[in-house]
């Protein structure tokens, strides 16, 4: 196999795996709070304690994956165009 064919095959495999992941689990952990739903703070002694609720995910700890967001947007545009 040529290197270009191998690169295309690897790219196609990664794309299919990501599409499967987006279909199976459309939500991933929030990047800011790492899925906790709130910020972690340290007190004066250095111990961890619960901080404020995460504003990015609205304290759910989840975010929609980019691939699922693109799929939802394309589906919405298609539905709006066929009516």
N, C-alpha and C. Protein backbone atom coordinates (compact mmCIF):
# COMPACT_ATOMS: atom_id res chain seq x y z
N UNK A 1 0.83 -1.18 0.00
CA UNK A 1 0.00 0.00 0.00
C UNK A 1 0.87 1.25 0.00
N UNK A 2 0.38 2.24 -0.66
CA UNK A 2 1.12 3.49 -0.68
C UNK A 2 0.83 4.28 0.60
N UNK A 3 1.69 5.18 0.96
CA UNK A 3 1.49 5.96 2.18
C UNK A 3 0.21 6.81 2.14
N UNK A 4 -0.16 7.29 0.97
CA UNK A 4 -1.38 8.11 0.87
C UNK A 4 -2.61 7.25 1.12
N UNK A 5 -2.64 6.05 0.58
CA UNK A 5 -3.77 5.15 0.79
C UNK A 5 -3.87 4.76 2.26
N UNK A 6 -2.74 4.52 2.89
CA UNK A 6 -2.72 4.17 4.30
C UNK A 6 -3.21 5.33 5.16
N UNK A 7 -2.81 6.55 4.81
CA UNK A 7 -3.25 7.73 5.56
C UNK A 7 -4.75 7.94 5.41
N UNK A 8 -5.27 7.73 4.21
CA UNK A 8 -6.71 7.88 3.98
C UNK A 8 -7.48 6.81 4.76
N UNK A 9 -6.97 5.60 4.78
CA UNK A 9 -7.63 4.52 5.52
C UNK A 9 -7.64 4.81 7.02
N UNK A 10 -6.53 5.31 7.55
CA UNK A 10 -6.47 5.65 8.97
C UNK A 10 -7.42 6.80 9.31
N UNK A 11 -7.47 7.80 8.45
CA UNK A 11 -8.36 8.93 8.66
C UNK A 11 -9.82 8.50 8.61
N UNK A 12 -10.15 7.62 7.68
CA UNK A 12 -11.50 7.09 7.59
C UNK A 12 -11.86 6.27 8.84
N UNK A 13 -10.93 5.48 9.36
CA UNK A 13 -11.18 4.68 10.56
C UNK A 13 -11.42 5.58 11.77
N UNK A 14 -10.60 6.63 11.91
CA UNK A 14 -10.76 7.56 13.03
C UNK A 14 -12.11 8.28 12.94
N UNK A 15 -12.49 8.69 11.74
CA UNK A 15 -13.76 9.38 11.53
C UNK A 15 -14.94 8.47 11.88
N UNK A 16 -14.89 7.23 11.46
CA UNK A 16 -15.98 6.30 11.76
C UNK A 16 -16.06 6.00 13.26
N UNK A 17 -14.91 5.88 13.91
CA UNK A 17 -14.91 5.66 15.36
C UNK A 17 -15.51 6.86 16.10
N UNK A 18 -15.17 8.06 15.67
CA UNK A 18 -15.71 9.26 16.32
C UNK A 18 -17.21 9.39 16.06
N UNK A 19 -17.66 9.06 14.86
CA UNK A 19 -19.09 9.11 14.55
C UNK A 19 -19.85 8.10 15.41
N UNK A 20 -19.28 6.93 15.62
CA UNK A 20 -19.90 5.93 16.48
C UNK A 20 -19.95 6.41 17.92
N UNK A 21 -18.89 7.05 18.39
CA UNK A 21 -18.86 7.59 19.74
C UNK A 21 -19.92 8.67 19.92
N UNK A 22 -20.06 9.55 18.93
CA UNK A 22 -21.06 10.63 19.00
C UNK A 22 -22.48 10.06 18.99
N UNK A 23 -22.70 8.96 18.28
CA UNK A 23 -24.02 8.35 18.25
C UNK A 23 -24.32 7.62 19.56
N UNK A 24 -23.32 6.95 20.12
CA UNK A 24 -23.53 6.17 21.33
C UNK A 24 -23.58 7.04 22.59
N UNK A 25 -22.69 8.03 22.67
CA UNK A 25 -22.61 8.91 23.84
C UNK A 25 -22.51 10.35 23.35
N UNK A 26 -23.65 11.01 23.10
CA UNK A 26 -23.59 12.36 22.54
C UNK A 26 -23.05 13.42 23.50
N UNK A 27 -23.02 13.13 24.78
CA UNK A 27 -22.53 14.10 25.75
C UNK A 27 -21.22 13.61 26.36
N UNK A 28 -20.27 14.53 26.50
CA UNK A 28 -18.99 14.24 27.14
C UNK A 28 -18.84 15.08 28.39
N UNK A 29 -17.79 14.88 29.16
CA UNK A 29 -17.60 15.69 30.36
C UNK A 29 -17.24 17.13 30.01
N UNK A 30 -17.69 18.04 30.84
CA UNK A 30 -17.38 19.46 30.64
C UNK A 30 -15.88 19.67 30.76
N UNK A 31 -15.31 20.49 29.90
CA UNK A 31 -13.87 20.70 29.92
C UNK A 31 -13.43 21.62 31.06
N UNK A 32 -14.29 22.51 31.46
CA UNK A 32 -13.91 23.46 32.50
C UNK A 32 -13.93 22.81 33.89
N UNK A 33 -15.01 22.10 34.22
CA UNK A 33 -15.12 21.51 35.56
C UNK A 33 -14.76 20.03 35.58
N UNK A 34 -14.37 19.48 34.43
CA UNK A 34 -13.97 18.07 34.28
C UNK A 34 -15.08 17.10 34.67
N UNK A 35 -16.34 17.51 34.48
CA UNK A 35 -17.47 16.63 34.73
C UNK A 35 -18.02 16.68 36.14
N UNK A 36 -17.44 17.50 37.03
CA UNK A 36 -17.96 17.59 38.39
C UNK A 36 -19.23 18.42 38.46
N UNK A 37 -19.34 19.45 37.64
CA UNK A 37 -20.49 20.35 37.71
C UNK A 37 -20.20 21.57 38.56
N UNK A 38 -19.04 21.61 39.17
CA UNK A 38 -18.65 22.76 39.99
C UNK A 38 -17.14 22.88 39.97
N UNK A 39 -16.66 24.06 40.30
CA UNK A 39 -15.22 24.30 40.37
C UNK A 39 -14.67 23.71 41.67
N UNK A 40 -13.44 23.24 41.61
CA UNK A 40 -12.78 22.76 42.83
C UNK A 40 -11.88 23.88 43.33
N UNK A 41 -11.98 24.19 44.63
CA UNK A 41 -11.15 25.23 45.23
C UNK A 41 -10.34 24.62 46.35
N UNK A 42 -9.35 25.37 46.80
CA UNK A 42 -8.54 24.97 47.95
C UNK A 42 -8.82 25.94 49.09
N UNK A 43 -8.91 25.41 50.32
CA UNK A 43 -9.03 26.30 51.46
C UNK A 43 -7.64 26.75 51.90
N UNK A 44 -7.55 27.45 53.00
CA UNK A 44 -6.26 27.99 53.43
C UNK A 44 -5.25 26.90 53.77
N UNK A 45 -5.74 25.75 54.17
CA UNK A 45 -4.84 24.65 54.52
C UNK A 45 -4.44 23.80 53.32
N UNK A 46 -5.02 24.11 52.16
CA UNK A 46 -4.66 23.38 50.95
C UNK A 46 -5.57 22.20 50.64
N UNK A 47 -6.62 22.02 51.44
CA UNK A 47 -7.56 20.92 51.18
C UNK A 47 -8.54 21.33 50.11
N UNK A 48 -8.96 20.36 49.32
CA UNK A 48 -9.94 20.63 48.27
C UNK A 48 -11.32 20.82 48.88
N UNK A 49 -12.06 21.75 48.30
CA UNK A 49 -13.45 21.94 48.70
C UNK A 49 -14.27 22.34 47.48
N UNK A 50 -15.57 22.22 47.61
CA UNK A 50 -16.47 22.52 46.51
C UNK A 50 -16.55 24.03 46.32
N UNK A 51 -16.46 24.45 45.05
CA UNK A 51 -16.56 25.87 44.74
C UNK A 51 -17.93 26.18 44.14
N UNK A 52 -17.96 27.20 43.33
CA UNK A 52 -19.21 27.62 42.70
C UNK A 52 -19.61 26.65 41.59
N UNK A 53 -20.90 26.68 41.24
CA UNK A 53 -21.38 25.87 40.12
C UNK A 53 -20.73 26.34 38.83
N UNK A 54 -20.49 25.40 37.94
CA UNK A 54 -19.87 25.72 36.66
C UNK A 54 -20.88 26.44 35.77
N UNK A 55 -20.49 27.60 35.26
CA UNK A 55 -21.40 28.36 34.40
C UNK A 55 -21.42 27.83 32.98
N UNK A 56 -20.35 27.19 32.56
CA UNK A 56 -20.26 26.70 31.18
C UNK A 56 -21.27 25.58 30.93
N UNK A 57 -21.37 24.63 31.86
CA UNK A 57 -22.28 23.49 31.67
C UNK A 57 -23.54 23.62 32.51
N UNK A 58 -23.70 24.72 33.21
CA UNK A 58 -24.86 24.98 34.07
C UNK A 58 -25.00 23.90 35.14
N UNK A 59 -23.88 23.49 35.71
CA UNK A 59 -23.78 22.55 36.82
C UNK A 59 -24.25 21.14 36.48
N UNK A 60 -24.28 20.78 35.20
CA UNK A 60 -24.63 19.42 34.83
C UNK A 60 -23.40 18.53 34.72
N UNK A 61 -22.27 19.13 34.41
CA UNK A 61 -21.04 18.37 34.25
C UNK A 61 -20.91 17.77 32.86
N UNK A 62 -21.86 18.02 31.97
CA UNK A 62 -21.85 17.44 30.64
C UNK A 62 -21.84 18.54 29.58
N UNK A 63 -21.32 18.21 28.41
CA UNK A 63 -21.34 19.10 27.26
C UNK A 63 -21.64 18.25 26.03
N UNK A 64 -22.19 18.87 25.02
CA UNK A 64 -22.48 18.13 23.79
C UNK A 64 -21.20 18.06 22.96
N UNK A 65 -20.94 16.89 22.39
CA UNK A 65 -19.73 16.71 21.59
C UNK A 65 -19.85 17.49 20.28
N UNK A 66 -18.72 17.87 19.71
CA UNK A 66 -18.69 18.67 18.49
C UNK A 66 -19.35 17.92 17.33
N UNK A 67 -19.04 16.65 17.18
CA UNK A 67 -19.63 15.87 16.10
C UNK A 67 -21.14 15.76 16.21
N UNK A 68 -21.65 15.60 17.43
CA UNK A 68 -23.09 15.53 17.63
C UNK A 68 -23.73 16.88 17.37
N UNK A 69 -23.04 17.97 17.75
CA UNK A 69 -23.56 19.31 17.51
C UNK A 69 -23.70 19.55 16.01
N UNK A 70 -22.69 19.16 15.24
CA UNK A 70 -22.73 19.32 13.79
C UNK A 70 -23.86 18.49 13.20
N UNK A 71 -24.03 17.25 13.68
CA UNK A 71 -25.11 16.39 13.19
C UNK A 71 -26.47 17.00 13.51
N UNK A 72 -26.66 17.49 14.72
CA UNK A 72 -27.94 18.12 15.09
C UNK A 72 -28.23 19.34 14.24
N UNK A 73 -27.19 20.16 13.99
CA UNK A 73 -27.38 21.36 13.18
C UNK A 73 -27.74 21.00 11.74
N UNK A 74 -27.06 20.01 11.16
CA UNK A 74 -27.36 19.59 9.78
C UNK A 74 -28.77 19.01 9.68
N UNK A 75 -29.17 18.24 10.68
CA UNK A 75 -30.52 17.67 10.69
C UNK A 75 -31.58 18.77 10.79
N UNK A 76 -31.32 19.78 11.61
CA UNK A 76 -32.27 20.89 11.76
C UNK A 76 -32.38 21.69 10.46
N UNK A 77 -31.25 21.94 9.79
CA UNK A 77 -31.28 22.66 8.52
C UNK A 77 -32.03 21.85 7.47
N UNK A 78 -31.83 20.55 7.44
CA UNK A 78 -32.52 19.69 6.47
C UNK A 78 -34.03 19.71 6.73
N UNK A 79 -34.42 19.58 8.01
CA UNK A 79 -35.85 19.60 8.34
C UNK A 79 -36.49 20.93 7.99
N UNK A 80 -35.80 22.04 8.26
CA UNK A 80 -36.35 23.36 7.96
C UNK A 80 -36.45 23.58 6.45
N UNK A 81 -35.57 22.96 5.68
CA UNK A 81 -35.57 23.16 4.24
C UNK A 81 -36.61 22.33 3.53
N UNK A 82 -37.09 21.25 4.13
CA UNK A 82 -38.06 20.39 3.46
C UNK A 82 -39.50 20.76 3.76
N UNK A 83 -39.74 21.70 4.63
CA UNK A 83 -41.12 22.10 4.95
C UNK A 83 -41.60 23.20 4.08
